[in-house]
């Protein structure tokens, strides 16, 4: 499993990269690779031991083609503090939809573990 900083997606009512309108009921996440759209992930909050399952329905945070992180062994490029466009980041490697945020018992932006379900 990969361990990265997670942030809350929010943006209820906005459209995702997959064309889905964000709500607070569907368990979804965003990963920084367009190739991950539609894939399923398992998540664990190490601080609470709570688990969740979600579908990748958006691209981000920060980058859109960080395949070396999403499908490889590297940490998220956004952890460097600067994204590929030169914008400052919050160093997150995954965005969590409201449902997943709640299921994991998240209280703040903190580390979670995730992996693809194959």
Protein backbone atom coordinates (compact mmCIF):
# COMPACT_ATOMS: atom_id res chain seq x y z
CA UNK A 1 0.00 0.00 0.00
CA UNK A 2 1.11 3.54 -0.68
CA UNK A 3 1.15 6.07 2.16
CA UNK A 4 0.46 9.67 1.16
CA UNK A 5 -1.10 12.83 2.52
CA UNK A 6 -4.83 13.04 1.79
CA UNK A 7 -7.02 16.10 1.48
CA UNK A 8 -10.80 16.51 1.26
CA UNK A 9 -12.05 17.10 -2.27
CA UNK A 10 -15.16 19.07 -1.33
CA UNK A 11 -16.52 20.82 -4.45
CA UNK A 12 -20.00 19.30 -4.06
CA UNK A 13 -22.01 20.16 -7.17
CA UNK A 14 -18.95 20.57 -9.42
CA UNK A 15 -18.08 18.24 -12.31
CA UNK A 16 -15.19 15.80 -12.05
CA UNK A 17 -12.77 14.90 -14.85
CA UNK A 18 -14.99 11.87 -15.56
CA UNK A 19 -18.04 14.11 -16.02
CA UNK A 20 -19.74 13.08 -12.77
CA UNK A 21 -21.33 15.79 -10.60
CA UNK A 22 -19.84 15.55 -7.09
CA UNK A 23 -22.18 14.66 -4.26
CA UNK A 24 -21.62 13.55 -0.67
CA UNK A 25 -23.03 10.02 -1.18
CA UNK A 26 -20.75 8.25 -3.68
CA UNK A 27 -17.39 7.07 -2.29
CA UNK A 28 -14.85 8.48 -4.73
CA UNK A 29 -11.29 9.76 -4.83
CA UNK A 30 -9.08 11.76 -7.15
CA UNK A 31 -5.63 10.54 -8.18
CA UNK A 32 -3.19 12.52 -10.35
CA UNK A 33 -3.45 10.36 -13.47
CA UNK A 34 -6.12 10.30 -16.15
CA UNK A 35 -5.32 6.60 -16.63
CA UNK A 36 -6.70 5.81 -13.14
CA UNK A 37 -10.24 7.04 -13.89
CA UNK A 38 -12.78 4.28 -13.25
CA UNK A 39 -10.43 2.12 -11.19
CA UNK A 40 -11.25 1.00 -7.64
CA UNK A 41 -9.12 1.57 -4.56
CA UNK A 42 -8.95 0.33 -0.97
CA UNK A 43 -8.03 2.94 1.64
CA UNK A 44 -6.98 2.81 5.29
CA UNK A 45 -6.58 5.60 7.80
CA UNK A 46 -3.64 4.41 9.95
CA UNK A 47 -4.65 6.77 12.76
CA UNK A 48 -8.13 5.23 13.16
CA UNK A 49 -7.71 1.84 11.41
CA UNK A 50 -10.92 2.65 9.50
CA UNK A 51 -11.19 1.34 5.94
CA UNK A 52 -13.06 2.41 2.83
CA UNK A 53 -13.45 1.42 -0.81
CA UNK A 54 -13.83 3.99 -3.57
CA UNK A 55 -13.79 4.60 -7.30
CA UNK A 56 -11.41 7.06 -8.95
CA UNK A 57 -13.75 9.62 -10.50
CA UNK A 58 -11.53 12.70 -10.65
CA UNK A 59 -7.97 13.68 -11.50
CA UNK A 60 -5.74 15.46 -9.00
CA UNK A 61 -4.67 16.76 -6.65
CA UNK A 62 -2.44 19.25 -8.42
CA UNK A 63 -1.16 17.12 -11.29
CA UNK A 64 -2.86 15.12 -14.02
CA UNK A 65 -0.13 12.81 -15.33
CA UNK A 66 1.83 11.62 -12.29
CA UNK A 67 1.83 8.02 -13.51
CA UNK A 68 5.20 7.28 -11.85
CA UNK A 69 3.45 7.75 -8.50
CA UNK A 70 -0.02 6.34 -9.27
CA UNK A 71 1.20 3.20 -11.06
CA UNK A 72 4.83 3.06 -9.93
CA UNK A 73 6.94 3.22 -6.82
CA UNK A 74 7.57 6.98 -6.61
CA UNK A 75 5.94 9.33 -4.13
CA UNK A 76 3.57 12.01 -5.52
CA UNK A 77 5.34 14.80 -7.39
CA UNK A 78 3.13 17.27 -5.44
CA UNK A 79 4.94 16.25 -2.23
CA UNK A 80 7.83 18.43 -3.45
CA UNK A 81 5.68 21.48 -2.67
CA UNK A 82 5.45 22.59 -6.33
CA UNK A 83 3.27 21.04 -9.04
CA UNK A 84 4.33 20.51 -12.65
CA UNK A 85 2.94 23.96 -13.54
CA UNK A 86 4.99 25.68 -10.83
CA UNK A 87 2.09 26.25 -8.40
CA UNK A 88 2.66 25.72 -4.66
CA UNK A 89 0.92 22.56 -3.42
CA UNK A 90 -0.35 21.30 -0.08
CA UNK A 91 1.83 18.20 -0.66
CA UNK A 92 -1.17 15.86 -1.04
CA UNK A 93 -1.16 12.72 -3.16
CA UNK A 94 -4.88 11.91 -3.09
CA UNK A 95 -8.15 13.80 -2.73
CA UNK A 96 -11.00 12.12 -0.85
CA UNK A 97 -14.68 12.71 -1.56
CA UNK A 98 -16.89 13.58 1.40
CA UNK A 99 -18.19 10.01 1.80
CA UNK A 100 -14.68 8.51 1.94
CA UNK A 101 -13.49 11.33 4.22
CA UNK A 102 -16.28 10.42 6.64
CA UNK A 103 -15.82 6.64 6.36
CA UNK A 104 -12.12 6.97 7.23
CA UNK A 105 -12.84 9.21 10.23
CA UNK A 106 -10.68 12.00 8.84
CA UNK A 107 -10.45 15.18 10.91
CA UNK A 108 -7.69 16.97 8.99
CA UNK A 109 -5.36 16.55 6.02
CA UNK A 110 -3.19 13.64 7.08
CA UNK A 111 -1.62 10.42 5.83
CA UNK A 112 -3.71 7.56 4.50
CA UNK A 113 -2.77 4.32 2.80
CA UNK A 114 -4.24 3.25 -0.52
CA UNK A 115 -3.94 0.59 -3.20
CA UNK A 116 -5.75 -0.46 -6.34
CA UNK A 117 -8.20 -3.36 -6.05
CA UNK A 118 -7.42 -5.85 -8.79
